[in-house]
Amino acid sequence: MKQKMLQRSFELYVADMEAWYERPLIYHFFEIVQILDGEGVRVVNDNRFPYSKGSIFLFTPLDCRGFEMTTPTRFCSIRFSEVFLGKCKNVAERERISQWLHQLEHIFYHHNRFERVLIKHITDCQLISTLIGNMIHEYEAQQPYYEENLQHFIALVLNILARNVAETKVNVPAEPQPEPLINRMLLHVHENINNPGKLRISYLASEFNLSANYVGEYFRKLTGESLQQYITQYKMQLVQHRLANSSLTVSQIANELGFTDESHLNRQFRKHSGVSPVEYRKNAKQRA
């Protein structure tokens, strides 16, 4: 699967497209997309959802997304990394924003993999459209403090989207079904990716009331890959994302994501990516 990195910490553009030739791709950044005109199908993590004029989507890092157009489509794409929202902030504020974005990443990755995120309130749709219009104006005019304004606009949009996702979660039936169980298991993996102890078979069996012998079989049946493959792939993609879009050192990334030490991360990353973390970061900067 092809992948795409963000060239700058923030990009915004309005474009027309008649075909989506290179997609789907795995993107390593957040992206807010508003459909300005046209109809078709949004493809995200092998799910298909219809779109039309006014549709708004939020994609998270590592989502595999694309579009299949029924009619020529005009859209606004707003792309940003957590580095952008952390600019011009003190240390405490940067840590708060980083933690908040990680939580949103887990929430929206979960929904993009299994559900369609719906904006239920017409006032929320109107508010998001207004905010996106303001972002386009700020980005094009680039008046003093425009970056700070863009940060605030994005934070507002994300808060509104997160509110609608939270309401969707409240309305999910409480009766256990096979898909919600795997959803909860995947969300647990994402939220505890830095805690190896909580990713062990024995812990998952206890947490989700499954036989230890059945956890691996169940996970593979519902996702098509082994639990260890999924954890390794997700963790390596997070490492790639941190290397390309943050100023964290390799040691800091290793500590954040639960590796034994920097050497452990180096060995695992080279085995997965074919290059060292330092080489990967250098290549990502050259591509940018």
Protein backbone atom coordinates (compact mmCIF):
# COMPACT_ATOMS: atom_id res chain seq x y z
CA MET A 1 0.00 0.00 0.00
CA LYS A 2 1.41 3.41 -0.99
CA GLN A 3 1.87 6.00 1.72
CA LYS A 4 1.90 9.80 1.73
CA MET A 5 3.63 12.17 4.12
CA LEU A 6 2.74 15.78 4.84
CA GLN A 7 5.24 18.17 3.23
CA ARG A 8 4.57 20.96 5.75
CA SER A 9 2.93 20.93 9.17
CA PHE A 10 -0.17 22.60 7.64
CA GLU A 11 -1.57 22.51 4.10
CA LEU A 12 -4.89 23.75 2.76
CA TYR A 13 -6.16 23.67 -0.79
CA VAL A 14 -9.39 23.66 -2.80
CA ALA A 15 -9.33 21.39 -5.84
CA ASP A 16 -11.45 19.73 -8.50
CA MET A 17 -11.09 16.07 -9.35
CA GLU A 18 -12.69 13.81 -11.92
CA ALA A 19 -10.84 10.66 -10.85
CA TRP A 20 -8.87 9.49 -7.82
CA TYR A 21 -5.98 7.84 -9.64
CA GLU A 22 -3.42 7.11 -6.93
CA ARG A 23 -5.80 6.15 -4.14
CA PRO A 24 -6.32 4.62 -1.72
CA LEU A 25 -3.21 5.69 0.16
CA ILE A 26 -2.15 5.60 3.79
CA TYR A 27 -1.62 9.16 4.98
CA HIS A 28 0.50 10.11 7.98
CA PHE A 29 -1.41 13.20 9.09
CA PHE A 30 -4.84 14.47 10.07
CA GLU A 31 -7.08 15.64 7.23
CA ILE A 32 -10.43 17.43 7.27
CA VAL A 33 -12.25 17.20 3.93
CA GLN A 34 -15.38 19.13 2.99
CA ILE A 35 -17.14 18.25 -0.25
CA LEU A 36 -18.00 21.53 -1.99
CA ASP A 37 -19.73 19.90 -4.97
CA GLY A 38 -20.21 16.44 -6.46
CA GLU A 39 -21.28 12.95 -5.41
CA GLY A 40 -19.59 9.61 -4.94
CA VAL A 41 -18.34 7.17 -2.34
CA ARG A 42 -15.78 7.68 0.40
CA VAL A 43 -13.49 4.66 0.83
CA VAL A 44 -11.79 4.41 4.21
CA ASN A 45 -10.15 1.32 5.70
CA ASP A 46 -12.08 -0.88 3.22
CA ASN A 47 -15.43 0.69 4.22
CA ARG A 48 -17.56 2.55 1.67
CA PHE A 49 -19.81 5.51 2.54
CA PRO A 50 -21.70 7.80 0.14
CA TYR A 51 -20.90 11.52 0.01
CA SER A 52 -22.56 14.56 -1.51
CA LYS A 53 -22.25 18.35 -1.42
CA GLY A 54 -21.66 19.48 2.16
CA SER A 55 -20.29 16.16 3.44
CA ILE A 56 -17.48 16.57 5.97
CA PHE A 57 -14.93 13.90 6.87
CA LEU A 58 -12.08 13.72 9.34
CA PHE A 59 -9.28 11.27 8.60
CA THR A 60 -6.64 10.38 11.16
CA PRO A 61 -3.01 9.36 10.66
CA LEU A 62 -2.77 5.77 9.35
CA ASP A 63 -6.30 5.73 7.91
CA CYS A 64 -6.28 4.32 4.38
CA ARG A 65 -8.65 6.56 2.45
CA GLY A 66 -9.77 7.45 -1.02
CA PHE A 67 -12.81 8.51 -3.06
CA GLU A 68 -14.75 7.00 -5.94
CA MET A 69 -16.55 9.76 -7.84
CA THR A 70 -20.00 9.44 -9.40
CA THR A 71 -19.86 13.05 -10.62
CA PRO A 72 -16.88 15.47 -10.81
CA THR A 73 -16.08 16.53 -7.27
CA ARG A 74 -14.80 19.80 -5.82
CA PHE A 75 -13.46 19.65 -2.30
CA CYS A 76 -11.50 21.51 0.35
CA SER A 77 -8.70 19.56 2.04
CA ILE A 78 -7.16 20.77 5.30
CA ARG A 79 -4.12 18.73 6.32
CA PHE A 80 -2.12 19.16 9.49
CA SER A 81 0.12 17.31 11.93
CA GLU A 82 0.24 17.53 15.69
CA VAL A 83 3.42 19.58 15.22
CA PHE A 84 1.32 22.40 13.74
CA LEU A 85 -1.06 22.58 16.69
CA GLY A 86 1.92 22.51 19.05
CA LYS A 87 3.59 25.58 17.55
CA CYS A 88 4.06 28.76 19.58
CA LYS A 89 2.95 27.04 22.80
CA ASN A 90 4.57 26.60 26.17
CA VAL A 91 5.65 23.12 27.29
CA ALA A 92 2.50 22.43 29.33
CA GLU A 93 0.25 23.50 26.47
CA ARG A 94 2.17 21.36 23.96
CA GLU A 95 1.82 18.32 26.20
CA ARG A 96 -1.91 18.93 26.63
CA ILE A 97 -2.43 19.28 22.86
CA SER A 98 -0.35 16.19 22.13
CA GLN A 99 -2.37 14.11 24.60
CA TRP A 100 -5.65 15.48 23.22
CA LEU A 101 -4.67 14.64 19.63
CA HIS A 102 -3.65 11.12 20.58
CA GLN A 103 -7.07 10.60 22.15
CA LEU A 104 -8.78 11.93 19.02
CA GLU A 105 -6.56 9.70 16.88
CA HIS A 106 -7.79 6.63 18.77
CA ILE A 107 -11.45 7.73 18.68
CA PHE A 108 -11.59 8.56 14.99
CA TYR A 109 -9.43 5.66 13.84
CA HIS A 110 -11.91 3.38 15.62
CA HIS A 111 -14.90 4.98 13.87
CA ASN A 112 -13.24 5.24 10.47
CA ARG A 113 -12.45 1.52 10.58
CA PHE A 114 -15.96 0.37 11.43
CA GLU A 115 -18.55 3.14 11.38
CA ARG A 116 -19.59 6.25 9.54
CA VAL A 117 -19.15 9.46 11.55
CA LEU A 118 -22.37 11.44 11.24
CA ILE A 119 -22.80 15.14 12.04
CA LYS A 120 -26.31 14.96 13.50
CA HIS A 121 -27.03 18.60 14.27
CA ILE A 122 -27.65 20.99 11.37
CA THR A 123 -26.18 23.81 13.45
CA ASP A 124 -22.94 21.83 13.83
CA CYS A 125 -22.76 21.34 10.04
CA GLN A 126 -23.28 25.05 9.50
CA LEU A 127 -20.71 25.94 12.15
CA ILE A 128 -18.07 23.63 10.66
CA SER A 129 -18.73 25.03 7.17
CA THR A 130 -18.30 28.56 8.50
CA LEU A 131 -15.07 27.65 10.28
CA ILE A 132 -13.66 25.99 7.15
CA GLY A 133 -14.58 29.11 5.13
CA ASN A 134 -12.73 31.23 7.69
CA MET A 135 -9.72 28.92 7.48
CA ILE A 136 -9.60 29.27 3.69
CA HIS A 137 -9.68 33.05 4.04
CA GLU A 138 -6.97 33.11 6.74
CA TYR A 139 -4.72 30.75 4.80
CA GLU A 140 -5.00 32.72 1.56
CA ALA A 141 -4.62 36.17 3.17
CA GLN A 142 -1.84 35.17 5.61
CA GLN A 143 -2.32 38.25 7.76
CA PRO A 144 -0.37 38.58 11.04
CA TYR A 145 -1.21 35.81 13.55
CA TYR A 146 -2.93 33.75 10.86
CA GLU A 147 -1.27 30.54 12.07
CA GLU A 148 -2.59 31.05 15.60
CA ASN A 149 -6.08 31.65 14.17
CA LEU A 150 -5.84 28.48 12.08
CA GLN A 151 -4.87 26.53 15.20
CA HIS A 152 -7.97 27.78 17.00
CA PHE A 153 -10.25 27.07 14.03
CA ILE A 154 -8.97 23.49 13.74
CA ALA A 155 -9.37 22.92 17.48
CA LEU A 156 -12.99 24.08 17.26
CA VAL A 157 -13.75 21.80 14.28
CA LEU A 158 -12.19 18.82 16.05
CA ASN A 159 -14.18 19.52 19.21
CA ILE A 160 -17.44 19.60 17.23
CA LEU A 161 -16.58 16.37 15.39
CA ALA A 162 -15.54 14.66 18.63
CA ARG A 163 -18.84 15.71 20.24
CA ASN A 164 -20.79 14.03 17.46
CA VAL A 165 -18.69 10.87 17.74
CA ALA A 166 -19.24 10.81 21.50
CA GLU A 167 -23.00 11.00 20.96
CA THR A 168 -22.79 8.13 18.48
CA LYS A 169 -20.97 6.00 21.02
CA VAL A 170 -23.63 6.68 23.65
CA ASN A 171 -26.32 5.40 21.30
CA VAL A 172 -24.61 2.08 20.49
CA PRO A 173 -26.75 -0.82 21.81
CA ALA A 174 -25.34 -2.40 24.97
CA GLU A 175 -26.08 -5.97 23.84
CA PRO A 176 -22.82 -7.73 22.95
CA GLN A 177 -22.26 -8.38 19.27
CA PRO A 178 -19.15 -9.80 17.54
CA GLU A 179 -18.18 -6.53 15.84
CA PRO A 180 -18.43 -4.26 18.91
CA LEU A 181 -16.21 -6.70 20.82
CA ILE A 182 -13.45 -6.48 18.22
CA ASN A 183 -13.97 -2.70 18.12
CA ARG A 184 -13.34 -2.51 21.84
CA MET A 185 -10.33 -4.79 21.54
CA LEU A 186 -8.79 -2.66 18.76
CA LEU A 187 -9.44 0.53 20.71
CA HIS A 188 -7.77 -1.08 23.74
CA VAL A 189 -4.71 -1.92 21.61
CA HIS A 190 -4.50 1.67 20.31
CA GLU A 191 -4.89 3.23 23.73
CA ASN A 192 -2.34 0.90 25.35
CA ILE A 193 0.17 0.60 22.51
CA ASN A 194 2.82 1.99 24.88
CA ASN A 195 2.05 -0.58 27.58
CA PRO A 196 3.20 -4.08 26.54
CA GLY A 197 1.75 -5.64 29.68
CA LYS A 198 -1.78 -4.71 28.65
CA LEU A 199 -1.27 -6.18 25.17
CA ARG A 200 -0.42 -9.69 26.37
CA ILE A 201 -2.78 -12.54 25.52
CA SER A 202 -3.42 -13.26 29.20
CA TYR A 203 -4.40 -9.64 29.89
CA LEU A 204 -6.67 -9.42 26.83
CA ALA A 205 -8.34 -12.71 27.75
CA SER A 206 -9.13 -11.39 31.22
CA GLU A 207 -10.14 -7.93 30.00
CA PHE A 208 -12.55 -9.20 27.33
CA ASN A 209 -13.70 -12.39 29.04
CA LEU A 210 -12.24 -14.74 26.42
CA SER A 211 -10.26 -17.94 26.70
CA ALA A 212 -6.53 -17.27 26.35
CA ASN A 213 -6.43 -19.96 23.66
CA TYR A 214 -9.20 -18.21 21.72
CA VAL A 215 -7.96 -14.59 21.78
CA GLY A 216 -5.57 -15.02 18.83
CA GLU A 217 -8.04 -17.03 16.79
CA TYR A 218 -10.83 -14.50 17.41
CA PHE A 219 -8.61 -11.54 16.52
CA ARG A 220 -7.44 -13.13 13.27
CA LYS A 221 -11.00 -14.14 12.35
CA LEU A 222 -12.30 -10.58 12.73
CA THR A 223 -9.32 -8.65 11.31
CA GLY A 224 -7.62 -11.07 8.93
CA GLU A 225 -4.24 -10.83 10.67
CA SER A 226 -2.65 -12.05 13.87
CA LEU A 227 -2.71 -9.95 17.03
CA GLN A 228 1.08 -9.63 17.06
CA GLN A 229 1.18 -8.62 13.40
CA TYR A 230 -1.44 -5.96 14.05
CA ILE A 231 0.35 -4.58 17.13
CA THR A 232 3.71 -4.51 15.35
CA GLN A 233 2.30 -2.88 12.22
CA TYR A 234 0.40 -0.24 14.18
CA LYS A 235 3.37 0.53 16.41
CA MET A 236 5.78 0.82 13.47
CA GLN A 237 3.40 3.14 11.65
CA LEU A 238 3.19 5.31 14.76
CA VAL A 239 6.99 5.40 14.90
CA GLN A 240 7.10 6.47 11.24
CA HIS A 241 4.53 9.16 11.97
CA ARG A 242 6.52 10.48 14.94
CA LEU A 243 9.78 10.47 12.97
CA ALA A 244 8.33 12.36 10.03
CA ASN A 245 6.06 14.80 11.87
CA SER A 246 7.59 15.53 15.27
CA SER A 247 10.87 16.70 16.78
CA LEU A 248 10.97 13.83 19.30
CA THR A 249 14.29 12.01 19.54
CA VAL A 250 14.44 8.27 18.78
CA SER A 251 14.95 7.65 22.50
CA GLN A 252 11.85 9.70 23.36
CA ILE A 253 9.78 7.81 20.77
CA ALA A 254 11.02 4.50 22.16
CA ASN A 255 10.02 5.54 25.67
CA GLU A 256 6.61 6.85 24.53
CA LEU A 257 5.67 3.68 22.65
CA GLY A 258 6.82 1.14 25.20
CA PHE A 259 10.04 -0.17 23.64
CA THR A 260 12.63 -1.56 26.04
CA ASP A 261 15.13 1.07 24.91
CA GLU A 262 16.37 2.89 21.81
CA SER A 263 18.30 -0.18 20.59
CA HIS A 264 15.14 -2.27 20.75
CA LEU A 265 13.27 0.28 18.63
CA ASN A 266 16.16 0.46 16.17
CA ARG A 267 16.19 -3.32 15.65
CA GLN A 268 12.43 -3.59 15.27
CA PHE A 269 12.20 -0.57 12.97
CA ARG A 270 15.03 -1.70 10.69
CA LYS A 271 13.44 -5.16 10.44
CA HIS A 272 10.09 -3.61 9.52
CA SER A 273 11.17 -0.67 7.32
CA GLY A 274 14.57 -1.73 5.98
CA VAL A 275 16.28 1.42 7.30
CA SER A 276 17.15 2.84 10.70
CA PRO A 277 14.90 5.46 12.35
CA VAL A 278 17.55 8.12 11.72
CA GLU A 279 17.71 7.22 8.01
CA TYR A 280 13.91 7.19 7.77
CA ARG A 281 13.66 10.67 9.30
CA LYS A 282 16.39 11.97 6.98
CA ASN A 283 14.61 10.52 3.92
CA ALA A 284 11.29 11.97 5.05
CA LYS A 285 12.85 15.44 5.36
CA GLN A 286 14.42 15.10 1.90
CA ARG A 287 11.05 14.15 0.40
CA ALA A 288 9.49 17.17 2.08
